[in-house]
């Protein structure tokens, strides 16, 4: 397409000091992404986390052991709609589409035109970190939308220099903190970036009023955490313990920089770093400082590799601006440019990788091959069969016999999928939010225990333990089968539920 033809296409009017939005190609990319995702959205089934969010949402509170209330509330209402897991997956897809639409807006704030915005949208569409997060509806995909939206709003507020624009950023930040606590690390990074590189912005009232809005919106969840003994800190400690100290945290950095970003898109975010370090990127260098703080903090605290992944959107946006400027220079000098064909190839290869490792596009028999890279996909398979297996075991016991599960995924599957399959026994667990909800009344005289237990461990709580069968998840290897989950009948309890509860509780 020639430059003349491009200029003839309708374009959204530009805001003062910002490039106009090229909504037509950006929306085209978004439409393709939505179609691809929805085509495979329910191919396997529910994920254990989705069960958990719905169960939490059915018990409204200002917080839970492992997340604030926003995602559980949304999950509850989505699950109440017909279609099983589909409404939740539509929300998940909407999350990636939201990131895809927002990131080009950041590109425009950085000075990028039509080509740069389209390249940014395509990079988000093909980035494994964003594709993988949108497999299921949860706090991660919502968090990504919030991070990208906040970056756009801060860039806009710095350009407009109005209190209203800062208040919009504060509103989004406050809502985001009611979804996931990790947003606080981005807020720290933004504060450092602005204090070092855009100090003049902090002299006005806008950022500080925005901070007050953020604190006010986040306060109910903070108060809930304080009232319940800060279970969120216990969860953070438990998750950090899964990594082997600093070395474990450092091992996550290459995973973020290469695999989650997309191996063929590494050049794009490196271009972004170079753009932000150049004189032409000086006004937006605060983004690079914020990204650096985010990576350092999550590495030092041994956070998951995907926690800082949303900052890739800012680096992609800056990189796309540099690619566009280089292309413009080549056209003016009439030099051949291999990158005109190179970037579509890089996007295509990254998108193919993201689909294979991030979405259920492979047959179940072949999906296990990518489990070592991303176990999340295979964990959406086999739950109906699991429920049937437990129902058959429960049918051999007296009606009303409680089922005690080792984790929230098992409890959620039995609670949500069980009634339609004839399973009506009470379900008990002691993990995370279930631990805070407390034990049921009475004594666990006869209990069907389901989960990643050993008979020796169950003997801590019951005198008689009989294994019925190992848990089968449709023949696939996932968390349940890898950890030798099984079904047991347990009798002769060593106390009431209330007496056993402190030793049953676990956060992980």
Protein backbone atom coordinates (compact mmCIF):
# COMPACT_ATOMS: atom_id res chain seq x y z
CA UNK A 1 0.00 0.00 0.00
CA UNK A 2 1.43 3.38 -0.97
CA UNK A 3 1.76 6.31 1.39
CA UNK A 4 -0.80 8.21 -0.71
CA UNK A 5 -3.31 5.40 -0.36
CA UNK A 6 -2.67 5.21 3.36
CA UNK A 7 -3.37 8.90 3.78
CA UNK A 8 -6.65 8.43 1.91
CA UNK A 9 -7.96 5.95 4.48
CA UNK A 10 -10.24 7.33 7.22
CA UNK A 11 -8.37 7.93 10.46
CA UNK A 12 -9.55 8.97 13.88
CA UNK A 13 -8.87 12.57 14.70
CA UNK A 14 -5.69 13.09 16.65
CA UNK A 15 -5.63 14.54 20.11
CA UNK A 16 -3.31 17.52 20.52
CA UNK A 17 0.28 16.28 20.72
CA UNK A 18 -0.60 12.67 19.83
CA UNK A 19 -0.64 10.73 16.58
CA UNK A 20 -4.13 9.85 15.27
CA UNK A 21 -5.37 6.35 15.96
CA UNK A 22 -5.36 3.85 13.11
CA UNK A 23 -8.42 1.98 14.32
CA UNK A 24 -9.16 0.12 11.09
CA UNK A 25 -6.07 -2.14 10.97
CA UNK A 26 -5.92 -2.41 14.77
CA UNK A 27 -9.54 -3.56 14.97
CA UNK A 28 -8.92 -6.00 12.14
CA UNK A 29 -6.13 -7.63 14.15
CA UNK A 30 -8.42 -7.67 17.21
CA UNK A 31 -11.18 -9.38 15.24
CA UNK A 32 -8.84 -12.10 14.00
CA UNK A 33 -7.61 -12.71 17.55
CA UNK A 34 -11.16 -12.96 18.89
CA UNK A 35 -12.19 -15.45 16.20
CA UNK A 36 -9.14 -17.68 16.73
CA UNK A 37 -9.52 -17.69 20.51
CA UNK A 38 -13.25 -18.33 20.52
CA UNK A 39 -12.83 -21.19 18.02
CA UNK A 40 -10.94 -23.21 20.65
CA UNK A 41 -12.17 -21.53 23.84
CA UNK A 42 -14.12 -24.54 25.14
CA UNK A 43 -12.29 -27.32 23.34
CA UNK A 44 -11.06 -28.92 26.56
CA UNK A 45 -13.00 -27.46 29.49
CA UNK A 46 -12.73 -25.68 32.83
CA UNK A 47 -9.47 -24.84 34.54
CA UNK A 48 -9.08 -25.44 38.28
CA UNK A 49 -8.62 -21.69 38.91
CA UNK A 50 -11.90 -20.88 37.17
CA UNK A 51 -13.76 -23.23 39.50
CA UNK A 52 -12.11 -21.48 42.42
CA UNK A 53 -12.94 -17.96 41.28
CA UNK A 54 -16.59 -18.88 40.84
CA UNK A 55 -16.74 -20.51 44.29
CA UNK A 56 -15.12 -17.44 45.86
CA UNK A 57 -17.55 -15.18 44.04
CA UNK A 58 -20.44 -17.08 45.58
CA UNK A 59 -19.09 -16.03 48.98
CA UNK A 60 -18.87 -12.25 48.51
CA UNK A 61 -16.16 -10.55 50.56
CA UNK A 62 -13.69 -7.70 50.21
CA UNK A 63 -10.91 -10.21 49.83
CA UNK A 64 -9.78 -13.81 49.78
CA UNK A 65 -6.61 -15.57 50.83
CA UNK A 66 -5.01 -15.27 47.42
CA UNK A 67 -6.71 -12.40 45.58
CA UNK A 68 -8.87 -9.31 46.01
CA UNK A 69 -12.57 -9.55 45.08
CA UNK A 70 -12.88 -8.23 41.50
CA UNK A 71 -12.19 -11.38 39.49
CA UNK A 72 -14.31 -13.67 41.73
CA UNK A 73 -17.26 -11.29 41.43
CA UNK A 74 -16.97 -11.21 37.63
CA UNK A 75 -16.52 -15.00 37.49
CA UNK A 76 -19.61 -15.58 39.59
CA UNK A 77 -21.85 -13.57 37.30
CA UNK A 78 -20.31 -15.05 34.15
CA UNK A 79 -20.83 -18.59 35.46
CA UNK A 80 -24.49 -17.82 36.17
CA UNK A 81 -25.06 -17.36 32.42
CA UNK A 82 -25.91 -20.33 30.19
CA UNK A 83 -23.09 -21.96 28.29
CA UNK A 84 -20.95 -23.52 31.01
CA UNK A 85 -17.41 -22.20 30.87
CA UNK A 86 -17.96 -20.22 27.63
CA UNK A 87 -19.01 -16.92 29.29
CA UNK A 88 -15.84 -16.97 31.37
CA UNK A 89 -13.74 -17.62 28.28
CA UNK A 90 -15.43 -14.74 26.49
CA UNK A 91 -14.28 -12.50 29.34
CA UNK A 92 -10.76 -13.91 28.98
CA UNK A 93 -10.68 -13.25 25.25
CA UNK A 94 -12.03 -9.75 25.88
CA UNK A 95 -9.03 -9.25 28.15
CA UNK A 96 -6.50 -9.93 25.41
CA UNK A 97 -8.50 -7.90 22.91
CA UNK A 98 -8.51 -5.06 25.43
CA UNK A 99 -4.71 -5.19 25.69
CA UNK A 100 -4.48 -5.33 21.92
CA UNK A 101 -6.60 -2.18 21.56
CA UNK A 102 -4.89 -0.30 24.37
CA UNK A 103 -1.27 -0.96 23.39
CA UNK A 104 -1.55 0.92 20.05
CA UNK A 105 -2.92 3.87 22.02
CA UNK A 106 0.34 3.84 23.96
CA UNK A 107 2.18 3.67 20.64
CA UNK A 108 0.34 6.80 19.54
CA UNK A 109 1.35 8.53 22.77
CA UNK A 110 4.94 7.63 21.95
CA UNK A 111 4.60 9.25 18.51
CA UNK A 112 3.84 6.14 16.47
CA UNK A 113 1.62 6.32 13.41
CA UNK A 114 -0.39 3.78 11.47
CA UNK A 115 2.37 1.25 10.81
CA UNK A 116 3.69 1.39 14.37
CA UNK A 117 0.24 0.96 15.87
CA UNK A 118 -0.54 -2.00 13.63
CA UNK A 119 2.79 -3.64 14.48
CA UNK A 120 2.13 -3.16 18.20
CA UNK A 121 -1.32 -4.73 17.93
CA UNK A 122 0.10 -7.68 15.99
CA UNK A 123 2.87 -8.14 18.58
CA UNK A 124 0.33 -8.34 21.41
CA UNK A 125 -1.72 -10.79 19.35
CA UNK A 126 1.35 -13.02 18.85
CA UNK A 127 3.02 -12.65 22.26
CA UNK A 128 2.89 -15.91 24.29
CA UNK A 129 2.50 -13.97 27.57
CA UNK A 130 -0.73 -12.34 26.41
CA UNK A 131 -2.06 -15.35 24.47
CA UNK A 132 -1.43 -17.76 27.36
CA UNK A 133 -3.07 -15.49 29.93
CA UNK A 134 -6.26 -15.35 27.87
CA UNK A 135 -6.67 -19.13 27.85
CA UNK A 136 -8.77 -18.87 31.02
CA UNK A 137 -10.53 -16.15 32.95
CA UNK A 138 -8.62 -15.15 36.03
CA UNK A 139 -6.72 -12.43 37.79
CA UNK A 140 -3.80 -12.56 35.34
CA UNK A 141 -5.69 -11.57 32.20
CA UNK A 142 -7.54 -8.80 34.07
CA UNK A 143 -4.22 -7.63 35.51
CA UNK A 144 -2.73 -7.33 32.03
CA UNK A 145 -5.56 -5.08 30.88
CA UNK A 146 -5.15 -2.88 33.95
CA UNK A 147 -1.37 -2.54 33.51
CA UNK A 148 -1.61 -1.54 29.85
CA UNK A 149 -4.53 0.83 30.53
CA UNK A 150 -2.61 2.47 33.37
CA UNK A 151 0.47 2.98 31.20
CA UNK A 152 -1.70 4.61 28.53
CA UNK A 153 -3.41 6.88 31.05
CA UNK A 154 -0.16 7.97 32.70
CA UNK A 155 1.35 8.78 29.29
CA UNK A 156 -1.79 10.73 28.43
CA UNK A 157 -1.77 12.58 31.75
CA UNK A 158 1.86 13.60 31.22
CA UNK A 159 0.92 14.99 27.82
CA UNK A 160 -2.28 16.77 28.81
CA UNK A 161 -1.12 17.91 32.27
CA UNK A 162 -4.67 18.09 33.61
CA UNK A 163 -5.98 16.92 36.96
CA UNK A 164 -8.83 15.08 35.25
CA UNK A 165 -6.42 12.96 33.21
CA UNK A 166 -4.50 11.99 36.36
CA UNK A 167 -7.73 11.11 38.17
CA UNK A 168 -8.56 8.64 35.39
CA UNK A 169 -5.23 6.91 36.02
CA UNK A 170 -5.94 6.82 39.76
CA UNK A 171 -9.36 5.30 39.18
CA UNK A 172 -7.95 2.48 37.02
CA UNK A 173 -5.15 1.85 39.52
CA UNK A 174 -7.63 1.58 42.40
CA UNK A 175 -9.85 -0.83 40.50
CA UNK A 176 -6.78 -2.82 39.49
CA UNK A 177 -5.68 -3.24 43.10
CA UNK A 178 -9.07 -4.81 43.79
CA UNK A 179 -8.05 -7.46 41.27
CA UNK A 180 -4.39 -8.28 42.00
CA UNK A 181 -1.88 -6.95 44.52
CA UNK A 182 1.01 -7.16 42.05
CA UNK A 183 -0.18 -3.90 40.49
CA UNK A 184 1.43 -2.18 43.48
CA UNK A 185 4.83 -3.02 41.99
CA UNK A 186 3.96 -1.22 38.76
CA UNK A 187 2.79 1.78 40.80
CA UNK A 188 6.16 1.77 42.57
CA UNK A 189 7.91 1.62 39.21
CA UNK A 190 5.85 4.52 37.87
CA UNK A 191 6.67 6.60 40.94
CA UNK A 192 10.38 5.92 40.53
CA UNK A 193 10.26 6.63 36.79
CA UNK A 194 8.43 9.91 37.25
CA UNK A 195 10.59 11.01 40.18
CA UNK A 196 13.77 10.40 38.20
CA UNK A 197 12.78 11.48 34.71
CA UNK A 198 9.57 13.54 34.81
CA UNK A 199 9.87 15.25 38.15
CA UNK A 200 7.94 18.29 37.00
CA UNK A 201 4.78 16.16 36.78
CA UNK A 202 4.93 15.47 40.51
CA UNK A 203 4.90 19.16 41.38
CA UNK A 204 1.23 19.51 40.43
CA UNK A 205 -1.77 18.19 42.36
CA UNK A 206 -2.86 15.69 39.69
CA UNK A 207 -0.67 12.68 40.60
CA UNK A 208 -1.29 13.11 44.32
CA UNK A 209 -5.05 13.36 43.93
CA UNK A 210 -4.88 10.27 41.74
CA UNK A 211 -2.96 8.51 44.52
CA UNK A 212 -5.71 9.39 46.99
CA UNK A 213 -8.33 7.90 44.66
CA UNK A 214 -6.22 4.74 44.31
CA UNK A 215 -5.80 4.37 48.07
CA UNK A 216 -9.50 4.95 48.71
CA UNK A 217 -10.53 2.26 46.22
CA UNK A 218 -7.95 -0.23 47.47
CA UNK A 219 -8.68 0.36 51.17
CA UNK A 220 -11.54 -2.18 51.59
CA UNK A 221 -9.35 -5.05 50.47
CA UNK A 222 -6.43 -3.89 52.63
CA UNK A 223 -8.78 -3.68 55.63
CA UNK A 224 -10.04 -7.21 54.92
CA UNK A 225 -6.47 -8.55 54.72
CA UNK A 226 -5.59 -6.87 58.01
CA UNK A 227 -8.69 -8.23 59.73
CA UNK A 228 -7.86 -11.79 58.63
CA UNK A 229 -4.19 -11.78 59.61
CA UNK A 230 -2.72 -10.84 56.21
CA UNK A 231 -3.27 -14.16 54.39
CA UNK A 232 -2.10 -12.48 51.18
CA UNK A 233 1.39 -12.19 52.69
CA UNK A 234 1.32 -15.86 53.65
CA UNK A 235 0.38 -16.70 50.07
CA UNK A 236 3.19 -14.53 48.68
CA UNK A 237 5.67 -16.24 51.00
CA UNK A 238 4.43 -19.68 49.96
CA UNK A 239 4.71 -18.87 46.27
CA UNK A 240 8.18 -17.36 46.70
CA UNK A 241 9.31 -20.48 48.53
CA UNK A 242 8.73 -22.45 45.33
CA UNK A 243 11.75 -20.67 43.84
CA UNK A 244 15.26 -21.45 45.02
CA UNK A 245 16.29 -18.07 46.43
CA UNK A 246 17.82 -15.42 44.20
CA UNK A 247 18.89 -18.01 41.66
CA UNK A 248 15.29 -19.13 41.31
CA UNK A 249 14.19 -15.53 40.78
CA UNK A 250 16.95 -14.86 38.27
CA UNK A 251 16.00 -17.97 36.33
CA UNK A 252 12.66 -16.32 35.57
CA UNK A 253 14.25 -13.39 33.73
CA UNK A 254 15.31 -15.32 30.58
CA UNK A 255 11.88 -16.98 30.59
CA UNK A 256 10.23 -13.56 30.50
CA UNK A 257 12.67 -12.01 28.02
CA UNK A 258 12.62 -14.89 25.54
CA UNK A 259 9.78 -17.38 25.79
CA UNK A 260 6.99 -15.23 27.25
CA UNK A 261 7.86 -12.28 25.01
CA UNK A 262 8.14 -14.52 21.96
CA UNK A 263 11.61 -15.56 20.73
CA UNK A 264 11.11 -13.91 17.35
CA UNK A 265 9.82 -10.71 18.99
CA UNK A 266 12.92 -10.16 21.12
CA UNK A 267 14.23 -7.70 18.53
CA UNK A 268 11.07 -5.61 18.87
CA UNK A 269 11.33 -5.06 22.62
CA UNK A 270 15.07 -4.47 22.26
CA UNK A 271 14.24 -1.81 19.67
CA UNK A 272 11.89 -0.39 22.28
CA UNK A 273 14.65 -0.16 24.86
CA UNK A 274 16.91 1.53 22.31
CA UNK A 275 14.16 3.96 21.34
CA UNK A 276 13.53 4.95 24.96
CA UNK A 277 17.27 5.44 25.57
CA UNK A 278 17.64 7.64 22.50
CA UNK A 279 17.16 11.44 22.54
CA UNK A 280 13.86 11.06 20.66
CA UNK A 281 12.49 8.81 23.42
CA UNK A 282 13.57 10.99 26.32
CA UNK A 283 10.06 12.20 27.21
CA UNK A 284 8.87 8.60 27.56
CA UNK A 285 11.95 7.15 29.25
CA UNK A 286 10.00 6.90 32.51
CA UNK A 287 8.42 3.76 31.04
CA UNK A 288 11.81 2.08 30.81
CA UNK A 289 12.61 3.03 34.40
CA UNK A 290 9.26 1.63 35.55
CA UNK A 291 9.85 -1.61 33.62
CA UNK A 292 13.29 -1.99 35.17
CA UNK A 293 11.93 -1.51 38.69
CA UNK A 294 9.17 -4.05 38.03
CA UNK A 295 11.59 -6.72 36.80
CA UNK A 296 14.06 -6.12 39.64
CA UNK A 297 11.39 -6.22 42.36
CA UNK A 298 9.74 -9.39 41.09
CA UNK A 299 13.13 -11.05 40.61
CA UNK A 300 14.26 -10.13 44.13
CA UNK A 301 10.97 -11.29 45.63
CA UNK A 302 11.03 -14.52 43.59
CA UNK A 303 7.78 -13.72 41.83
CA UNK A 304 6.42 -15.68 38.90
CA UNK A 305 7.91 -14.89 35.49
CA UNK A 306 4.57 -13.72 34.12
CA UNK A 307 4.05 -11.09 36.83
CA UNK A 308 6.01 -8.34 34.99
CA UNK A 309 4.97 -9.54 31.51
CA UNK A 310 2.48 -6.69 30.84
CA UNK A 311 5.36 -4.17 30.61
CA UNK A 312 6.23 -5.89 27.34
CA UNK A 313 3.34 -3.93 25.82
CA UNK A 314 5.19 -0.67 26.50
CA UNK A 315 8.46 -2.00 25.07
CA UNK A 316 6.64 -3.34 22.00
CA UNK A 317 4.99 0.06 21.53
CA UNK A 318 8.29 1.93 21.73
CA UNK A 319 9.97 -0.63 19.48
CA UNK A 320 7.25 -0.28 16.87
CA UNK A 321 7.84 3.47 16.81
CA UNK A 322 11.51 2.87 16.09
CA UNK A 323 10.70 0.34 13.37
CA UNK A 324 8.36 2.85 11.75
CA UNK A 325 10.95 5.64 11.86
CA UNK A 326 13.62 3.39 10.36
CA UNK A 327 11.23 2.35 7.62
CA UNK A 328 10.44 5.96 6.86
CA UNK A 329 14.16 6.74 6.58
CA UNK A 330 14.73 3.82 4.22
CA UNK A 331 11.89 4.86 1.97
CA UNK A 332 13.21 8.38 1.79
CA UNK A 333 16.68 7.12 0.88
CA UNK A 334 15.24 4.44 -1.47
CA UNK A 335 17.27 1.74 0.28
CA UNK A 336 15.91 -1.84 0.29
CA UNK A 337 14.43 -2.87 3.60
CA UNK A 338 14.33 -6.51 4.59
CA UNK A 339 12.36 -5.63 7.71
CA UNK A 340 9.23 -4.94 5.68
CA UNK A 341 8.93 -8.70 5.15
CA UNK A 342 10.88 -9.66 8.27
CA UNK A 343 8.41 -8.32 10.82
CA UNK A 344 5.37 -10.19 9.44
CA UNK A 345 7.46 -13.36 9.52
CA UNK A 346 8.51 -12.70 13.13
CA UNK A 347 4.90 -12.02 14.12
CA UNK A 348 3.70 -15.17 12.36
CA UNK A 349 6.29 -17.45 13.96
CA UNK A 350 5.66 -16.01 17.43
CA UNK A 351 1.91 -16.31 16.95
CA UNK A 352 2.26 -19.97 15.92
CA UNK A 353 4.37 -20.69 19.00
CA UNK A 354 1.88 -18.87 21.22
CA UNK A 355 -1.03 -20.87 19.83
CA UNK A 356 0.72 -24.22 20.28
CA UNK A 357 1.87 -23.64 23.86
CA UNK A 358 -0.89 -21.31 25.05
CA UNK A 359 -4.22 -22.54 23.66
CA UNK A 360 -5.87 -25.98 23.28
CA UNK A 361 -5.20 -26.28 19.54
CA UNK A 362 -3.44 -29.65 19.68
CA UNK A 363 -5.21 -32.99 20.12
CA UNK A 364 -5.24 -34.09 23.74
CA UNK A 365 -2.89 -36.96 22.88
CA UNK A 366 -0.28 -34.47 21.67
CA UNK A 367 -0.89 -31.66 24.17
CA UNK A 368 1.24 -33.36 26.79
CA UNK A 369 4.30 -32.58 24.69
CA UNK A 370 4.13 -28.90 25.73
CA UNK A 371 3.25 -29.54 29.37
CA UNK A 372 6.82 -28.92 30.51
CA UNK A 373 6.69 -25.47 28.90
CA UNK A 374 3.12 -24.58 29.88
CA UNK A 375 1.14 -27.03 32.04
CA UNK A 376 -1.90 -24.73 32.15
CA UNK A 377 -3.48 -25.97 28.91
CA UNK A 378 -3.63 -29.63 29.89
CA UNK A 379 -5.08 -28.66 33.28
CA UNK A 380 -8.29 -27.65 31.49
CA UNK A 381 -8.91 -31.27 30.49
CA UNK A 382 -10.43 -34.21 32.33
CA UNK A 383 -12.51 -32.61 35.09
CA UNK A 384 -15.88 -34.16 34.09
CA UNK A 385 -14.29 -37.62 34.20
CA UNK A 386 -12.77 -36.81 37.58
CA UNK A 387 -16.20 -35.89 38.94
CA UNK A 388 -17.70 -39.12 37.59
CA UNK A 389 -14.97 -41.15 39.25
CA UNK A 390 -15.56 -39.48 42.62
CA UNK A 391 -19.34 -39.84 42.25
CA UNK A 392 -18.96 -43.58 41.69
CA UNK A 393 -16.84 -43.87 44.84
CA UNK A 394 -19.27 -41.74 46.85
CA UNK A 395 -22.18 -43.96 45.79
CA UNK A 396 -20.72 -46.81 47.86
CA UNK A 397 -20.90 -44.75 51.07
CA UNK A 398 -23.86 -43.58 53.17
CA UNK A 399 -25.74 -40.56 51.75
CA UNK A 400 -24.36 -37.26 52.96
CA UNK A 401 -20.83 -38.56 53.50
CA UNK A 402 -18.57 -35.48 53.20
CA UNK A 403 -15.83 -35.28 50.59
CA UNK A 404 -12.55 -33.75 51.70
CA UNK A 405 -10.29 -32.57 48.88
CA UNK A 406 -6.64 -31.72 48.87
CA UNK A 407 -6.91 -28.56 46.78
CA UNK A 408 -9.39 -25.94 45.62
CA UNK A 409 -9.47 -27.25 42.05
CA UNK A 410 -10.81 -30.61 43.13
CA UNK A 411 -13.29 -28.97 45.50
CA UNK A 412 -14.45 -26.54 42.83
CA UNK A 413 -14.91 -29.22 40.18
CA UNK A 414 -17.02 -31.36 42.53
CA UNK A 415 -19.08 -28.36 43.66
CA UNK A 416 -19.76 -26.90 40.20
CA UNK A 417 -19.88 -29.98 37.97
CA UNK A 418 -21.04 -32.50 40.59
CA UNK A 419 -24.75 -31.72 41.02
CA UNK A 420 -25.52 -32.22 37.33
CA UNK A 421 -23.85 -35.64 37.58
CA UNK A 422 -25.71 -36.75 40.69
CA UNK A 423 -23.05 -35.81 43.23
CA UNK A 424 -24.72 -33.98 46.11
CA UNK A 425 -22.45 -34.67 49.08
CA UNK A 426 -20.95 -31.71 50.98
CA UNK A 427 -17.46 -30.79 49.75
CA UNK A 428 -14.79 -29.63 52.18
CA UNK A 429 -11.27 -28.28 51.61
CA UNK A 430 -8.71 -26.46 53.74
CA UNK A 431 -6.63 -24.71 51.09
CA UNK A 432 -6.41 -20.92 50.75
CA UNK A 433 -9.87 -19.31 50.89
CA UNK A 434 -11.43 -22.58 52.05
CA UNK A 435 -9.11 -22.44 55.06
CA UNK A 436 -10.47 -19.04 56.07
CA UNK A 437 -14.08 -20.14 55.60
CA UNK A 438 -13.43 -22.66 58.35
CA UNK A 439 -14.38 -26.25 59.15
CA UNK A 440 -17.85 -27.76 58.92
CA UNK A 441 -19.62 -28.76 62.14
CA UNK A 442 -19.46 -32.20 63.70
CA UNK A 443 -17.00 -35.04 63.40
CA UNK A 444 -15.49 -36.53 60.22
CA UNK A 445 -16.43 -40.07 61.17
CA UNK A 446 -16.52 -41.34 57.59
CA UNK A 447 -15.00 -39.15 54.89
CA UNK A 448 -14.20 -39.65 51.21
CA UNK A 449 -10.77 -38.03 50.84
CA UNK A 450 -9.75 -37.03 47.32
CA UNK A 451 -6.46 -35.49 46.34
CA UNK A 452 -2.69 -35.52 46.43
CA UNK A 453 -2.48 -37.50 49.66
CA UNK A 454 -0.57 -40.52 50.81
CA UNK A 455 -2.08 -43.04 53.19
CA UNK A 456 0.63 -42.17 55.74
CA UNK A 457 -0.33 -38.51 55.65
CA UNK A 458 -4.03 -39.23 56.05
CA UNK A 459 -3.24 -41.40 59.08
CA UNK A 460 -2.38 -38.16 60.89
CA UNK A 461 -6.11 -37.41 60.97
CA UNK A 462 -7.88 -40.79 60.67
CA UNK A 463 -7.09 -44.13 62.22
CA UNK A 464 -8.40 -46.17 59.28
CA UNK A 465 -7.45 -45.24 55.70
CA UNK A 466 -8.41 -47.33 52.67
CA UNK A 467 -7.31 -46.39 49.14
CA UNK A 468 -10.01 -47.01 46.54
CA UNK A 469 -8.32 -45.95 43.29
CA UNK A 470 -5.85 -43.43 41.84
CA UNK A 471 -7.36 -40.34 40.27
CA UNK A 472 -7.56 -40.51 36.50
CA UNK A 473 -7.79 -37.34 34.43
CA UNK A 474 -8.83 -38.74 31.08
CA UNK A 475 -5.46 -40.35 30.52
CA UNK A 476 -3.45 -37.11 30.60
CA UNK A 477 -0.60 -36.20 32.92
CA UNK A 478 -1.37 -33.07 34.92
CA UNK A 479 -0.98 -31.83 38.48
CA UNK A 480 -3.31 -34.53 39.82
CA UNK A 481 -1.69 -37.50 38.14
CA UNK A 482 1.87 -36.19 38.49
CA UNK A 483 1.39 -35.94 42.24
CA UNK A 484 -0.34 -39.33 42.52
CA UNK A 485 -3.74 -38.07 43.60
CA UNK A 486 -6.06 -40.83 44.78
CA UNK A 487 -9.45 -41.51 46.37
CA UNK A 488 -9.57 -42.83 49.93
CA UNK A 489 -12.22 -43.79 52.47
CA UNK A 490 -11.18 -42.55 55.91
CA UNK A 491 -12.69 -43.54 59.25
CA UNK A 492 -11.92 -43.28 62.98
CA UNK A 493 -11.09 -39.56 63.11
CA UNK A 494 -8.60 -38.29 65.67
CA UNK A 495 -10.88 -35.40 66.64
CA UNK A 496 -13.70 -33.17 65.41
CA UNK A 497 -13.39 -31.06 62.25
CA UNK A 498 -12.64 -28.04 64.42
CA UNK A 499 -9.87 -29.89 66.26
CA UNK A 500 -8.27 -31.20 63.07
CA UNK A 501 -8.65 -27.97 61.12
CA UNK A 502 -5.42 -26.17 62.19
CA UNK A 503 -3.36 -29.07 60.88
CA UNK A 504 -5.40 -29.41 57.69
CA UNK A 505 -5.05 -25.76 56.66
CA UNK A 506 -2.50 -24.99 53.94
CA UNK A 507 -1.73 -21.98 51.73
CA UNK A 508 -0.09 -22.69 48.38
